[in-house]
Amino acid sequence: MAFRLKLVPDNTQFNFFRYQWLTFGISAAAMVLSLVAVLVMGLNFGIDFKGGTTIRTESTTDFQVGDYRQALDDLGLADVSITEVFDPSFGTDKHVAMIRIGTQDETGSVTPEELNGIEAALKVVDPQVAFTAVESVGPKVSGELIMTAVYAVGAATIAIMFYIWLRFEWQFALGAVVSIAHDVLLTIGIFAVLQLKFDLSTIAALLTTLGYSVNDTVVVFDRLRENLIKSKTEPLIDVMNRTVNETLSRTVMTAVTTALALGAMMIFGGDVIRGFVFAMLWGVFVGAYSTVYVAKNIVLWLGVKRDWSKPDPKDKIDEIPAAFREGP
């Protein structure tokens, strides 16, 4: 006997427009608050965007972050940040810390002498400490990376809008762009509020989230176009409600299965990819929400045409001259 898992019942009749002003208002408020959070709190730029040196240390003995910080206080280093890294995959004999040192000069990195001094100072409080990775990025390079990241997100958004405009109509393209802006702003906003590290891997997660969200949106738009062709007199709001209900199972199943994979990566993937996975996991749920409650609302308010239907072949026969239709 076959067993089928159903997260959404068949033939659902949810009214997704019942509280359309409330849901869209929440989205608009969240976008504004995210923008305010970025402007007021700022982003915790990683080494890629801010410049400086990041040192990853490992030790077989437990340590106190305060002891590490006190050991480095007398070295005259700028913008020192020390965090202990926790990961379920670490054993009891593996203790990891990330030491971030802000830009020292135009090179953006500490000198070999300063690096040796840092290691010597830490060995005083923890003789078992070892440097497993040292990364440095200059401020000029990091500034170029920020602009490149902005261009990448902007170019992806414009390309997506142009594609949807060609495939559907400009109303659909505008709805998709607003949905994309919603997803990007909320993702950046949560990084600002939680002060999570924002680096190139986060940009990669943003671009991946855009593709995921647009794919989900296009599926709904495609079904909507089919239903509009079949129902030329039914109110637009009813057609759109029926469309979302028909694609709801696919939307929920895709989001849940993707979240399961990302959840496993979040738990067992380690601290190196945790920021990337968190951005994608957040983007999956935000993207599913924007597909249902943002993109289609824009299309509803702008209205769409219903003359996509293909001409009837019988109409083409009437255009053929009678002499040819009658045959010899």
Protein backbone atom coordinates (compact mmCIF):
# COMPACT_ATOMS: atom_id res chain seq x y z
CA MET A 1 0.00 0.00 0.00
CA ALA A 2 1.51 3.28 -1.15
CA PHE A 3 1.78 6.13 1.31
CA ARG A 4 1.75 9.73 0.14
CA LEU A 5 2.77 12.58 2.37
CA LYS A 6 0.56 15.62 1.91
CA LEU A 7 1.48 18.87 3.59
CA VAL A 8 -1.47 20.65 1.97
CA PRO A 9 -4.92 19.06 1.47
CA ASP A 10 -6.39 18.71 -2.00
CA ASN A 11 -8.75 21.39 -3.31
CA THR A 12 -8.01 24.03 -0.71
CA GLN A 13 -10.27 27.10 -0.64
CA PHE A 14 -8.22 29.61 1.33
CA ASN A 15 -9.05 33.27 0.79
CA PHE A 16 -5.59 34.81 0.44
CA PHE A 17 -7.03 38.25 -0.26
CA ARG A 18 -9.23 38.45 2.82
CA TYR A 19 -6.62 40.46 4.69
CA GLN A 20 -4.70 41.75 1.68
CA TRP A 21 -4.18 45.23 3.07
CA LEU A 22 -2.96 43.84 6.39
CA THR A 23 -0.53 41.35 4.83
CA PHE A 24 0.79 43.86 2.32
CA GLY A 25 0.99 46.49 5.05
CA ILE A 26 3.08 44.14 7.18
CA SER A 27 5.40 43.55 4.23
CA ALA A 28 5.72 47.27 3.52
CA ALA A 29 6.41 48.02 7.20
CA ALA A 30 8.99 45.24 7.35
CA MET A 31 10.75 46.68 4.30
CA VAL A 32 10.87 50.16 5.86
CA LEU A 33 12.09 48.82 9.21
CA SER A 34 14.77 46.77 7.45
CA LEU A 35 16.00 49.86 5.62
CA VAL A 36 16.03 51.84 8.89
CA ALA A 37 17.94 49.03 10.62
CA VAL A 38 20.59 49.05 7.90
CA LEU A 39 20.95 52.85 8.03
CA VAL A 40 20.95 53.11 11.84
CA MET A 41 22.64 49.88 13.00
CA GLY A 42 24.69 49.23 9.90
CA LEU A 43 25.88 45.89 8.58
CA ASN A 44 28.53 43.79 10.25
CA PHE A 45 30.73 43.63 7.16
CA GLY A 46 33.03 40.67 6.97
CA ILE A 47 36.64 40.74 6.01
CA ASP A 48 35.66 40.80 2.31
CA PHE A 49 33.95 44.20 2.51
CA LYS A 50 35.67 46.06 5.34
CA GLY A 51 39.30 45.12 5.00
CA GLY A 52 41.58 43.75 7.68
CA THR A 53 42.83 40.41 8.91
CA THR A 54 40.93 37.43 10.26
CA ILE A 55 42.76 34.78 12.27
CA ARG A 56 41.21 31.42 13.07
CA THR A 57 42.70 29.73 16.12
CA GLU A 58 42.32 26.23 17.46
CA SER A 59 43.28 24.82 20.83
CA THR A 60 42.96 21.48 22.59
CA THR A 61 42.20 23.20 25.89
CA ASP A 62 39.24 25.36 26.84
CA PHE A 63 39.85 29.11 26.87
CA GLN A 64 38.14 32.33 27.88
CA VAL A 65 37.53 35.03 25.28
CA GLY A 66 38.27 37.63 27.95
CA ASP A 67 41.76 36.16 28.47
CA TYR A 68 42.46 36.34 24.74
CA ARG A 69 41.24 39.94 24.58
CA GLN A 70 43.32 40.99 27.60
CA ALA A 71 46.40 39.40 26.07
CA LEU A 72 45.98 41.50 22.89
CA ASP A 73 45.13 44.81 24.60
CA ASP A 74 48.75 45.87 25.01
CA LEU A 75 49.68 45.29 21.34
CA GLY A 76 48.06 48.49 20.02
CA LEU A 77 45.89 46.73 17.44
CA ALA A 78 42.89 48.50 15.90
CA ASP A 79 39.32 47.22 16.02
CA VAL A 80 39.98 43.81 17.61
CA SER A 81 37.01 41.45 17.76
CA ILE A 82 37.23 37.97 19.28
CA THR A 83 34.43 35.41 19.14
CA GLU A 84 34.36 31.79 20.17
CA VAL A 85 33.06 29.42 17.51
CA PHE A 86 30.63 26.73 18.59
CA ASP A 87 29.81 23.79 16.37
CA PRO A 88 28.18 20.41 17.13
CA SER A 89 30.84 18.67 15.06
CA PHE A 90 33.62 19.87 17.35
CA GLY A 91 34.89 17.36 19.87
CA THR A 92 35.72 18.12 23.48
CA ASP A 93 39.34 18.69 22.54
CA LYS A 94 38.67 21.24 19.79
CA HIS A 95 38.12 24.86 20.76
CA VAL A 96 38.00 27.44 17.98
CA ALA A 97 38.07 31.23 18.01
CA MET A 98 37.87 33.88 15.29
CA ILE A 99 40.03 36.97 15.85
CA ARG A 100 39.26 39.90 13.57
CA ILE A 101 41.68 42.81 13.40
CA GLY A 102 40.61 45.96 11.56
CA THR A 103 42.53 47.60 8.74
CA GLN A 104 45.99 48.63 9.92
CA ASP A 105 47.21 50.62 6.89
CA GLU A 106 46.69 50.87 3.14
CA THR A 107 47.47 47.16 2.82
CA GLY A 108 44.67 46.24 5.24
CA SER A 109 46.67 43.45 6.87
CA VAL A 110 48.87 42.93 9.89
CA THR A 111 52.59 42.63 9.36
CA PRO A 112 54.43 39.34 9.93
CA GLU A 113 55.99 40.88 13.03
CA GLU A 114 52.56 41.80 14.43
CA LEU A 115 51.27 38.32 13.61
CA ASN A 116 54.15 36.77 15.52
CA GLY A 117 53.47 39.12 18.42
CA ILE A 118 49.78 38.12 18.47
CA GLU A 119 50.67 34.44 18.51
CA ALA A 120 53.23 34.93 21.29
CA ALA A 121 50.75 36.92 23.40
CA LEU A 122 48.06 34.25 23.03
CA LYS A 123 50.48 31.44 23.87
CA VAL A 124 51.08 33.09 27.23
CA VAL A 125 47.45 32.48 28.25
CA ASP A 126 46.97 29.32 26.12
CA PRO A 127 50.14 27.40 25.25
CA GLN A 128 48.16 24.99 23.02
CA VAL A 129 46.78 27.68 20.69
CA ALA A 130 47.57 27.39 16.98
CA PHE A 131 46.73 29.55 13.96
CA THR A 132 44.93 27.44 11.37
CA ALA A 133 43.96 30.22 8.92
CA VAL A 134 44.96 33.85 8.33
CA GLU A 135 43.07 35.97 5.75
CA SER A 136 43.72 39.60 4.81
CA VAL A 137 41.86 42.01 2.51
CA GLY A 138 42.81 45.63 1.79
CA PRO A 139 40.26 48.49 2.05
CA LYS A 140 40.54 49.37 -1.65
CA VAL A 141 39.76 45.83 -2.71
CA SER A 142 36.92 45.57 -0.19
CA GLY A 143 35.37 48.81 -1.51
CA GLU A 144 35.46 47.42 -5.04
CA LEU A 145 33.84 44.22 -3.82
CA ILE A 146 30.96 46.17 -2.26
CA MET A 147 30.23 47.96 -5.55
CA THR A 148 30.57 44.71 -7.50
CA ALA A 149 28.07 43.04 -5.15
CA VAL A 150 25.60 45.91 -5.63
CA TYR A 151 25.99 45.69 -9.41
CA ALA A 152 25.46 41.92 -9.32
CA VAL A 153 22.19 42.17 -7.39
CA GLY A 154 21.00 45.08 -9.54
CA ALA A 155 21.83 43.33 -12.81
CA ALA A 156 20.08 40.15 -11.69
CA THR A 157 16.95 42.14 -10.76
CA ILE A 158 16.85 43.98 -14.10
CA ALA A 159 17.38 40.75 -16.07
CA ILE A 160 14.59 39.02 -14.16
CA MET A 161 12.22 41.95 -14.73
CA PHE A 162 12.98 41.97 -18.45
CA TYR A 163 12.44 38.20 -18.75
CA ILE A 164 9.09 38.29 -16.96
CA TRP A 165 8.02 41.32 -19.01
CA LEU A 166 8.68 39.41 -22.23
CA ARG A 167 7.02 36.21 -21.05
CA PHE A 168 3.98 37.79 -19.40
CA GLU A 169 3.12 41.50 -19.10
CA TRP A 170 4.63 44.56 -17.46
CA GLN A 171 2.25 44.18 -14.48
CA PHE A 172 3.75 40.78 -13.73
CA ALA A 173 7.28 42.17 -14.11
CA LEU A 174 6.55 44.97 -11.65
CA GLY A 175 5.02 42.52 -9.18
CA ALA A 176 8.09 40.28 -9.41
CA VAL A 177 10.48 43.22 -8.89
CA VAL A 178 8.59 44.42 -5.81
CA SER A 179 8.69 40.84 -4.50
CA ILE A 180 12.45 40.70 -5.12
CA ALA A 181 12.99 44.02 -3.35
CA HIS A 182 10.94 42.68 -0.44
CA ASP A 183 13.09 39.54 -0.15
CA VAL A 184 16.41 41.38 -0.45
CA LEU A 185 15.53 44.14 2.05
CA LEU A 186 14.19 41.71 4.65
CA THR A 187 17.26 39.50 4.33
CA ILE A 188 19.66 42.43 4.65
CA GLY A 189 17.53 43.80 7.49
CA ILE A 190 17.72 40.61 9.57
CA PHE A 191 21.51 40.64 9.11
CA ALA A 192 21.61 44.22 10.40
CA VAL A 193 19.37 43.50 13.40
CA LEU A 194 21.24 40.35 14.43
CA GLN A 195 24.62 41.81 13.42
CA LEU A 196 25.50 38.68 11.51
CA LYS A 197 28.62 38.74 9.37
CA PHE A 198 27.83 40.11 5.92
CA ASP A 199 30.35 38.99 3.32
CA LEU A 200 30.58 37.64 -0.23
CA SER A 201 28.94 34.35 0.74
CA THR A 202 25.90 36.36 1.88
CA ILE A 203 25.73 38.01 -1.55
CA ALA A 204 25.84 34.56 -3.13
CA ALA A 205 22.97 33.51 -0.87
CA LEU A 206 21.00 36.61 -1.87
CA LEU A 207 21.39 35.85 -5.57
CA THR A 208 20.40 32.23 -4.98
CA THR A 209 17.35 33.37 -3.03
CA LEU A 210 16.34 35.68 -5.87
CA GLY A 211 16.41 32.78 -8.30
CA TYR A 212 14.39 30.60 -5.92
CA SER A 213 11.79 33.30 -5.29
CA VAL A 214 11.39 34.18 -8.97
CA ASN A 215 11.04 30.53 -9.93
CA ASP A 216 8.22 30.17 -7.41
CA THR A 217 6.60 33.40 -8.62
CA VAL A 218 6.77 32.38 -12.28
CA VAL A 219 5.02 29.08 -11.52
CA VAL A 220 2.11 30.99 -9.95
CA PHE A 221 2.07 33.54 -12.79
CA ASP A 222 2.02 30.79 -15.42
CA ARG A 223 -0.96 29.07 -13.80
CA LEU A 224 -2.66 32.46 -13.45
CA ARG A 225 -2.31 33.11 -17.17
CA GLU A 226 -3.82 29.71 -17.96
CA ASN A 227 -6.78 30.38 -15.67
CA LEU A 228 -7.30 33.86 -17.11
CA ILE A 229 -7.56 32.35 -20.60
CA LYS A 230 -10.17 29.85 -19.40
CA SER A 231 -12.16 32.32 -17.28
CA LYS A 232 -12.62 35.60 -19.12
CA THR A 233 -15.61 36.80 -17.12
CA GLU A 234 -14.74 35.58 -13.62
CA PRO A 235 -13.57 38.41 -11.31
CA LEU A 236 -9.79 38.76 -11.29
CA ILE A 237 -9.56 38.40 -7.52
CA ASP A 238 -11.38 35.05 -7.67
CA VAL A 239 -9.15 33.77 -10.46
CA MET A 240 -6.03 34.74 -8.53
CA ASN A 241 -7.33 33.13 -5.34
CA ARG A 242 -8.04 29.90 -7.18
CA THR A 243 -4.60 30.03 -8.81
CA VAL A 244 -2.74 30.35 -5.49
CA ASN A 245 -4.79 27.49 -4.02
CA GLU A 246 -3.97 25.29 -7.01
CA THR A 247 -0.23 25.93 -6.66
CA LEU A 248 -0.17 26.02 -2.85
CA SER A 249 0.85 22.39 -2.46
CA ARG A 250 3.82 22.88 -4.78
CA THR A 251 4.86 26.11 -3.02
CA VAL A 252 4.72 24.58 0.46
CA MET A 253 6.38 21.30 -0.54
CA THR A 254 9.25 23.09 -2.29
CA ALA A 255 9.81 25.42 0.67
CA VAL A 256 9.72 22.62 3.25
CA THR A 257 12.03 20.24 1.36
CA THR A 258 14.50 23.05 0.70
CA ALA A 259 14.35 24.09 4.35
CA LEU A 260 15.08 20.52 5.46
CA ALA A 261 18.24 20.41 3.39
CA LEU A 262 19.32 23.85 4.58
CA GLY A 263 18.52 22.94 8.18
CA ALA A 264 20.84 19.95 7.98
CA MET A 265 23.57 22.18 6.55
CA MET A 266 22.96 24.73 9.32
CA ILE A 267 23.43 22.10 12.03
CA PHE A 268 26.19 19.95 10.58
CA GLY A 269 27.82 22.21 7.99
CA GLY A 270 30.03 24.07 10.42
CA ASP A 271 30.60 27.75 11.11
CA VAL A 272 32.26 28.47 7.77
CA ILE A 273 29.02 28.26 5.75
CA ARG A 274 26.58 29.12 8.54
CA GLY A 275 26.00 32.70 7.38
CA PHE A 276 25.38 31.55 3.81
CA VAL A 277 22.92 28.87 4.94
CA PHE A 278 21.08 31.22 7.28
CA ALA A 279 20.61 33.78 4.50
CA MET A 280 19.21 31.11 2.20
CA LEU A 281 16.99 29.59 4.88
CA TRP A 282 15.54 32.99 5.72
CA GLY A 283 15.18 33.75 2.01
CA VAL A 284 13.21 30.56 1.35
CA PHE A 285 10.46 31.46 3.81
CA VAL A 286 10.46 35.16 2.90
CA GLY A 287 10.36 34.26 -0.80
CA ALA A 288 7.40 31.90 -0.34
CA TYR A 289 5.56 34.61 1.59
CA SER A 290 6.25 37.30 -1.01
CA THR A 291 5.06 35.03 -3.82
CA VAL A 292 1.67 34.60 -2.14
CA TYR A 293 1.16 37.96 -0.45
CA VAL A 294 3.26 40.52 -2.36
CA ALA A 295 3.71 39.74 -6.06
CA LYS A 296 0.11 38.78 -6.77
CA ASN A 297 -1.25 41.79 -4.85
CA ILE A 298 0.65 44.13 -7.17
CA VAL A 299 -0.78 42.34 -10.21
CA LEU A 300 -4.29 42.50 -8.76
CA TRP A 301 -4.13 46.26 -8.16
CA LEU A 302 -2.69 46.97 -11.61
CA GLY A 303 -5.04 44.60 -13.45
CA VAL A 304 -4.19 42.37 -16.42
CA LYS A 305 -5.57 41.73 -19.86
CA ARG A 306 -7.28 38.48 -20.82
CA ASP A 307 -6.66 38.18 -24.56
CA TRP A 308 -3.83 35.63 -24.35
CA SER A 309 -5.97 32.84 -25.81
CA LYS A 310 -4.83 31.34 -29.08
CA PRO A 311 -7.10 31.93 -32.11
CA ASP A 312 -9.51 29.18 -32.97
CA PRO A 313 -8.32 27.14 -35.99
CA LYS A 314 -11.87 27.40 -37.41
CA ASP A 315 -11.41 31.17 -37.60
CA LYS A 316 -8.34 30.64 -39.77
CA ILE A 317 -10.41 28.53 -42.21
CA ASP A 318 -12.74 31.46 -42.81
CA GLU A 319 -9.77 33.55 -43.92
CA ILE A 320 -8.97 31.10 -46.78
CA PRO A 321 -10.49 32.08 -50.15
CA ALA A 322 -13.61 30.12 -51.01
CA ALA A 323 -12.09 28.75 -54.23
CA PHE A 324 -9.37 27.01 -52.27
CA ARG A 325 -11.72 25.83 -49.51
CA GLU A 326 -14.08 24.12 -51.95
CA GLY A 327 -11.29 22.18 -53.62
CA PRO A 328 -11.19 21.01 -57.31
